[in-house]
C-alpha atoms as a PDB file:
ATOM      1  CA  MET A   1      11.504   0.019 -17.207  1.00  0.00           C
ATOM      2  CA  SER A   2      12.018   2.658 -14.625  1.00  0.00           C
ATOM      3  CA  ALA A   3       9.751   2.829 -11.568  1.00  0.00           C
ATOM      4  CA  ARG A   4       7.801   5.957 -10.716  1.00  0.00           C
ATOM      5  CA  LEU A   5       5.252   7.334  -8.332  1.00  0.00           C
ATOM      6  CA  ILE A   6       1.768   7.603  -9.865  1.00  0.00           C
ATOM      7  CA  ALA A   7      -0.125   9.121  -6.904  1.00  0.00           C
ATOM      8  CA  VAL A   8       0.303  10.118  -3.249  1.00  0.00           C
ATOM      9  CA  SER A   9      -2.926   9.576  -1.261  1.00  0.00           C
ATOM     10  CA  VAL A  10      -3.837  10.458   2.306  1.00  0.00           C
ATOM     11  CA  GLY A  11      -6.847  10.171   4.600  1.00  0.00           C
ATOM     12  CA  ARG A  12      -7.940  10.995   8.126  1.00  0.00           C
ATOM     13  CA  PRO A  13      -9.879   8.727  10.469  1.00  0.00           C
ATOM     14  CA  ARG A  14     -13.603   8.627   9.946  1.00  0.00           C
ATOM     15  CA  GLU A  15     -16.372   6.785  11.714  1.00  0.00           C
ATOM     16  CA  VAL A  16     -18.520   4.456   9.590  1.00  0.00           C
ATOM     17  CA  VAL A  17     -21.028   1.729  10.325  1.00  0.00           C
ATOM     18  CA  TRP A  18     -20.041  -1.852   9.410  1.00  0.00           C
ATOM     19  CA  ASP A  19     -22.073  -4.886  10.347  1.00  0.00           C
ATOM     20  CA  GLY A  20     -24.181  -2.682  12.601  1.00  0.00           C
ATOM     21  CA  GLU A  21     -21.243  -1.334  14.585  1.00  0.00           C
ATOM     22  CA  LYS A  22     -19.425   1.982  14.499  1.00  0.00           C
ATOM     23  CA  VAL A  23     -15.861   1.577  13.224  1.00  0.00           C
ATOM     24  CA  LEU A  24     -13.037   4.105  13.018  1.00  0.00           C
ATOM     25  CA  THR A  25     -11.058   3.748   9.771  1.00  0.00           C
ATOM     26  CA  SER A  26      -8.570   5.653   7.640  1.00  0.00           C
ATOM     27  CA  ILE A  27      -8.861   3.389   4.587  1.00  0.00           C
ATOM     28  CA  PHE A  28     -10.598   6.132   2.584  1.00  0.00           C
ATOM     29  CA  LYS A  29      -7.651   7.852   0.872  1.00  0.00           C
ATOM     30  CA  ALA A  30      -7.625  10.552  -1.804  1.00  0.00           C
ATOM     31  CA  PRO A  31      -4.728  11.751  -3.982  1.00  0.00           C
ATOM     32  CA  VAL A  32      -3.066  15.026  -3.029  1.00  0.00           C
ATOM     33  CA  ALA A  33      -2.162  17.755  -5.484  1.00  0.00           C
ATOM     34  CA  GLY A  34       1.468  18.830  -5.533  1.00  0.00           C
ATOM     35  CA  ARG A  35       4.136  17.628  -3.155  1.00  0.00           C
ATOM     36  CA  ALA A  36       3.623  15.957   0.189  1.00  0.00           C
ATOM     37  CA  ARG A  37       5.850  15.928   3.262  1.00  0.00           C
ATOM     38  CA  VAL A  38       6.862  12.479   4.499  1.00  0.00           C
ATOM     39  CA  GLY A  39       7.586  12.061   8.204  1.00  0.00           C
ATOM     40  CA  THR A  40       8.807   9.090  10.222  1.00  0.00           C
ATOM     41  CA  PHE A  41       5.290   7.831  10.962  1.00  0.00           C
ATOM     42  CA  ASN A  42       3.210   8.924   7.949  1.00  0.00           C
ATOM     43  CA  ILE A  43       2.638  11.384   5.173  1.00  0.00           C
ATOM     44  CA  GLU A  44       1.373  14.838   6.060  1.00  0.00           C
ATOM     45  CA  GLY A  45      -2.423  14.794   5.916  1.00  0.00           C
ATOM     46  CA  ASP A  46      -2.579  11.061   6.615  1.00  0.00           C
ATOM     47  CA  GLU A  47      -3.378   9.440   9.938  1.00  0.00           C
ATOM     48  CA  GLN A  48      -3.742   5.760  10.828  1.00  0.00           C
ATOM     49  CA  SER A  49      -6.763   4.783  12.905  1.00  0.00           C
ATOM     50  CA  ASP A  50      -5.593   1.522  14.502  1.00  0.00           C
ATOM     51  CA  LEU A  51      -1.915   1.640  15.417  1.00  0.00           C
ATOM     52  CA  GLU A  52      -1.950  -1.981  16.644  1.00  0.00           C
ATOM     53  CA  VAL A  53      -2.233  -3.234  13.052  1.00  0.00           C
ATOM     54  CA  HIS A  54      -1.382  -0.272  10.811  1.00  0.00           C
ATOM     55  CA  GLY A  55       1.183   2.488  11.136  1.00  0.00           C
ATOM     56  CA  GLY A  56       4.166   2.933  13.404  1.00  0.00           C
ATOM     57  CA  GLU A  57       7.719   3.087  12.149  1.00  0.00           C
ATOM     58  CA  GLU A  58       7.606  -0.263  10.337  1.00  0.00           C
ATOM     59  CA  LYS A  59       4.318   0.399   8.530  1.00  0.00           C
ATOM     60  CA  ALA A  60       4.402   4.175   8.108  1.00  0.00           C
ATOM     61  CA  VAL A  61       3.521   4.166   4.409  1.00  0.00           C
ATOM     62  CA  TYR A  62       1.604   1.643   2.259  1.00  0.00           C
ATOM     63  CA  ALA A  63       2.525   1.209  -1.398  1.00  0.00           C
ATOM     64  CA  TYR A  64       0.357  -0.492  -4.028  1.00  0.00           C
ATOM     65  CA  PRO A  65       1.265  -1.183  -7.689  1.00  0.00           C
ATOM     66  CA  SER A  66      -0.851   0.633 -10.280  1.00  0.00           C
ATOM     67  CA  GLU A  67      -0.442  -2.391 -12.514  1.00  0.00           C
ATOM     68  CA  HIS A  68      -2.956  -4.259 -10.335  1.00  0.00           C
ATOM     69  CA  TYR A  69      -5.768  -1.847 -11.062  1.00  0.00           C
ATOM     70  CA  ALA A  70      -6.487  -3.477 -14.459  1.00  0.00           C
ATOM     71  CA  PHE A  71      -7.000  -6.845 -12.724  1.00  0.00           C
ATOM     72  CA  TRP A  72      -9.404  -5.292 -10.208  1.00  0.00           C
ATOM     73  CA  ARG A  73     -11.371  -3.508 -12.942  1.00  0.00           C
ATOM     74  CA  GLU A  74     -12.036  -6.962 -14.481  1.00  0.00           C
ATOM     75  CA  GLN A  75     -12.830  -8.512 -11.079  1.00  0.00           C
ATOM     76  CA  LEU A  76     -15.031  -5.666  -9.853  1.00  0.00           C
ATOM     77  CA  PRO A  77     -16.878  -4.355 -12.944  1.00  0.00           C
ATOM     78  CA  GLY A  78     -18.631  -1.085 -12.280  1.00  0.00           C
ATOM     79  CA  ALA A  79     -16.684  -0.340  -9.109  1.00  0.00           C
ATOM     80  CA  ALA A  80     -15.103   3.095  -8.843  1.00  0.00           C
ATOM     81  CA  LEU A  81     -11.346   2.533  -8.582  1.00  0.00           C
ATOM     82  CA  PRO A  82      -9.568   5.877  -8.163  1.00  0.00           C
ATOM     83  CA  TRP A  83      -5.933   5.888  -7.069  1.00  0.00           C
ATOM     84  CA  GLY A  84      -5.774   5.198  -3.322  1.00  0.00           C
ATOM     85  CA  VAL A  85      -8.939   3.016  -3.233  1.00  0.00           C
ATOM     86  CA  PHE A  86      -7.028   0.106  -1.678  1.00  0.00           C
ATOM     87  CA  GLY A  87      -5.952   2.352   1.183  1.00  0.00           C
ATOM     88  CA  GLU A  88      -2.519   2.901  -0.267  1.00  0.00           C
ATOM     89  CA  ASN A  89      -0.497   6.044   0.326  1.00  0.00           C
ATOM     90  CA  LEU A  90       1.695   5.484  -2.717  1.00  0.00           C
ATOM     91  CA  THR A  91       0.402   4.187  -6.016  1.00  0.00           C
ATOM     92  CA  THR A  92       3.491   2.996  -7.874  1.00  0.00           C
ATOM     93  CA  LYS A  93       4.485   1.809 -11.318  1.00  0.00           C
ATOM     94  CA  GLY A  94       7.292  -0.700 -11.787  1.00  0.00           C
ATOM     95  CA  LEU A  95       7.408  -2.218  -8.263  1.00  0.00           C
ATOM     96  CA  LEU A  96       5.690  -5.600  -8.212  1.00  0.00           C
ATOM     97  CA  GLU A  97       5.570  -7.967  -5.269  1.00  0.00           C
ATOM     98  CA  ASP A  98       7.453 -10.766  -7.026  1.00  0.00           C
ATOM     99  CA  ARG A  99      10.449  -8.507  -7.629  1.00  0.00           C
ATOM    100  CA  VAL A 100      10.401  -6.299  -4.536  1.00  0.00           C
ATOM    101  CA  GLN A 101      12.264  -7.884  -1.599  1.00  0.00           C
ATOM    102  CA  ILE A 102      11.912  -7.343   2.124  1.00  0.00           C
ATOM    103  CA  GLY A 103      14.594  -4.834   3.093  1.00  0.00           C
ATOM    104  CA  ASP A 104      14.847  -3.167  -0.339  1.00  0.00           C
ATOM    105  CA  ARG A 105      15.392   0.581  -0.153  1.00  0.00           C
ATOM    106  CA  TYR A 106      13.982   3.195  -2.512  1.00  0.00           C
ATOM    107  CA  ARG A 107      14.506   6.908  -2.927  1.00  0.00           C
ATOM    108  CA  ILE A 108      11.500   8.974  -4.007  1.00  0.00           C
ATOM    109  CA  GLY A 109      11.886  12.748  -4.197  1.00  0.00           C
ATOM    110  CA  SER A 110      14.001  13.722  -1.228  1.00  0.00           C
ATOM    111  CA  ALA A 111      12.705  10.848   1.002  1.00  0.00           C
ATOM    112  CA  GLU A 112      14.019   7.323   1.418  1.00  0.00           C
ATOM    113  CA  PHE A 113      12.004   4.219   2.248  1.00  0.00           C
ATOM    114  CA  GLN A 114      12.594   0.558   3.114  1.00  0.00           C
ATOM    115  CA  VAL A 115      10.260  -2.353   2.386  1.00  0.00           C
ATOM    116  CA  THR A 116       9.267  -4.021   5.680  1.00  0.00           C
ATOM    117  CA  GLU A 117       6.446  -6.464   4.973  1.00  0.00           C
ATOM    118  CA  PRO A 118       3.474  -7.233   2.729  1.00  0.00           C
ATOM    119  CA  ARG A 119       0.080  -5.847   3.578  1.00  0.00           C
ATOM    120  CA  MET A 120      -2.105  -8.469   5.190  1.00  0.00           C
ATOM    121  CA  PRO A 121      -5.563  -6.910   4.875  1.00  0.00           C
ATOM    122  CA  CYS A 122      -8.138  -6.690   7.606  1.00  0.00           C
ATOM    123  CA  TYR A 123     -11.916  -6.368   7.444  1.00  0.00           C
ATOM    124  CA  LYS A 124     -11.585  -2.641   6.652  1.00  0.00           C
ATOM    125  CA  LEU A 125     -10.787  -3.541   3.043  1.00  0.00           C
ATOM    126  CA  ALA A 126     -14.175  -5.323   2.896  1.00  0.00           C
ATOM    127  CA  LEU A 127     -15.725  -2.235   4.502  1.00  0.00           C
ATOM    128  CA  ARG A 128     -14.125   0.032   1.862  1.00  0.00           C
ATOM    129  CA  PHE A 129     -15.538  -2.005  -1.010  1.00  0.00           C
ATOM    130  CA  GLY A 130     -18.812  -2.985   0.690  1.00  0.00           C
ATOM    131  CA  ARG A 131     -18.031  -6.651  -0.031  1.00  0.00           C
ATOM    132  CA  GLN A 132     -17.653  -9.338   2.619  1.00  0.00           C
ATOM    133  CA  ASP A 133     -15.480 -11.406   0.216  1.00  0.00           C
ATOM    134  CA  MET A 134     -12.928  -8.672  -0.538  1.00  0.00           C
ATOM    135  CA  VAL A 135     -10.230  -9.718   1.967  1.00  0.00           C
ATOM    136  CA  LYS A 136     -10.285 -13.329   0.718  1.00  0.00           C
ATOM    137  CA  ARG A 137     -10.198 -12.163  -2.917  1.00  0.00           C
ATOM    138  CA  PHE A 138      -7.382  -9.733  -2.182  1.00  0.00           C
ATOM    139  CA  MET A 139      -5.208 -12.399  -0.538  1.00  0.00           C
ATOM    140  CA  LYS A 140      -5.973 -15.020  -3.183  1.00  0.00           C
ATOM    141  CA  SER A 141      -4.918 -12.583  -5.928  1.00  0.00           C
ATOM    142  CA  GLY A 142      -1.426 -12.146  -4.413  1.00  0.00           C
ATOM    143  CA  ARG A 143      -1.752  -8.430  -5.198  1.00  0.00           C
ATOM    144  CA  THR A 144      -1.197  -7.135  -1.680  1.00  0.00           C
ATOM    145  CA  GLY A 145       1.252  -4.271  -2.008  1.00  0.00           C
ATOM    146  CA  PHE A 146       3.705  -3.651   0.821  1.00  0.00           C
ATOM    147  CA  TYR A 147       4.525  -1.452   3.776  1.00  0.00           C
ATOM    148  CA  LEU A 148       7.463   0.923   3.939  1.00  0.00           C
ATOM    149  CA  ALA A 149       9.454   2.385   6.796  1.00  0.00           C
ATOM    150  CA  VAL A 150      10.660   5.959   6.303  1.00  0.00           C
ATOM    151  CA  LEU A 151      14.489   5.981   6.513  1.00  0.00           C
ATOM    152  CA  LYS A 152      14.839   9.644   5.530  1.00  0.00           C
ATOM    153  CA  GLU A 153      12.082  12.241   5.788  1.00  0.00           C
ATOM    154  CA  GLY A 154      11.502  14.456   2.779  1.00  0.00           C
ATOM    155  CA  GLU A 155       9.009  15.488   0.113  1.00  0.00           C
ATOM    156  CA  ILE A 156       7.469  13.391  -2.626  1.00  0.00           C
ATOM    157  CA  GLY A 157       4.990  13.961  -5.444  1.00  0.00           C
ATOM    158  CA  ALA A 158       3.220  12.170  -8.280  1.00  0.00           C
ATOM    159  CA  GLY A 159       5.566  11.716 -11.239  1.00  0.00           C
ATOM    160  CA  ASP A 160       8.693  11.318  -9.089  1.00  0.00           C
ATOM    161  CA  ALA A 161      11.107   8.582 -10.127  1.00  0.00           C
ATOM    162  CA  ILE A 162      11.468   5.690  -7.698  1.00  0.00           C
ATOM    163  CA  GLU A 163      15.186   5.007  -7.516  1.00  0.00           C
ATOM    164  CA  ASP A 164      16.779   1.831  -6.196  1.00  0.00           C
ATOM    165  CA  ALA A 165      18.766   2.734  -3.053  1.00  0.00           C
ATOM    166  CA  GLY A 166      19.909  -0.800  -2.166  1.00  0.00           C
ATOM    167  CA  ARG A 167      18.728  -4.404  -1.936  1.00  0.00           C
ATOM    168  CA  GLY A 168      17.617  -6.168   1.208  1.00  0.00           C
ATOM    169  CA  ARG A 169      20.047  -8.522   2.989  1.00  0.00           C
ATOM    170  CA  GLN A 170      17.743 -11.519   2.722  1.00  0.00           C
ATOM    171  CA  PRO A 171      16.612 -12.304  -0.813  1.00  0.00           C
ATOM    172  CA  ILE A 172      12.918 -12.954  -0.051  1.00  0.00           C
ATOM    173  CA  SER A 173      10.284 -11.273  -2.147  1.00  0.00           C
ATOM    174  CA  VAL A 174       7.081  -9.743  -0.847  1.00  0.00           C
ATOM    175  CA  ALA A 175       5.190 -12.311  -2.949  1.00  0.00           C
ATOM    176  CA  ALA A 176       7.053 -15.196  -1.256  1.00  0.00           C
ATOM    177  CA  VAL A 177       6.110 -13.883   2.208  1.00  0.00           C
ATOM    178  CA  VAL A 178       2.458 -13.545   1.168  1.00  0.00           C
ATOM    179  CA  ALA A 179       2.526 -17.077  -0.243  1.00  0.00           C
ATOM    180  CA  ALA A 180       3.994 -18.473   2.959  1.00  0.00           C
ATOM    181  CA  LYS A 181       1.405 -16.705   5.110  1.00  0.00           C
ATOM    182  CA  SER A 182      -1.468 -17.737   2.881  1.00  0.00           C
ATOM    183  CA  ARG A 183      -0.021 -21.181   1.947  1.00  0.00           C
ATOM    184  CA  GLN A 184      -0.187 -20.646  -1.796  1.00  0.00           C
ATOM    185  CA  LYS A 185       2.339 -20.453  -4.657  1.00  0.00           C
ATOM    186  CA  PRO A 186       4.159 -17.107  -5.045  1.00  0.00           C
ATOM    187  CA  GLY A 187       2.826 -14.890  -7.787  1.00  0.00           C
ATOM    188  CA  PHE A 188      -0.510 -13.603  -8.917  1.00  0.00           C
ATOM    189  CA  ALA A 189      -3.636 -15.762  -9.008  1.00  0.00           C
END
């Protein structure tokens, strides 16, 4: 099966109230129409709110497999789950955490990316879903997605093929890193 890009989503910082405090977050993403320009630090129209934990060169873009949406529809009945709801910039098909390795490179459109690390969610995922248990559920599921560094700037769009541009030097999957950090077996719960 060939991998492809399902959606490109972006969002700007917004202030919301969570647990009685004002919080600045960019987790609210929405798909863009047409092509999007990818720069070294993000996708045009996207901006990270907390650069200490999200963004920068190593976490410029967040990818999340579309295959996981079916699981979340079962787990969160009645919840609206449009593409980008997990805060991802790229909703993908054909790139799952147990097969994607740290250091893998992918070409999408005219841009090139490298997998740097799994997403380790913060409380803003709970904020996005309005559920205090969401971070724990997300980690337990093993369905974390992964961050990408931008190796070559370019343009991307929904429907683009995701082409393998080279494997990482160390054969460790995103799922194995998540399992090590959360002390569970690799794979999906």
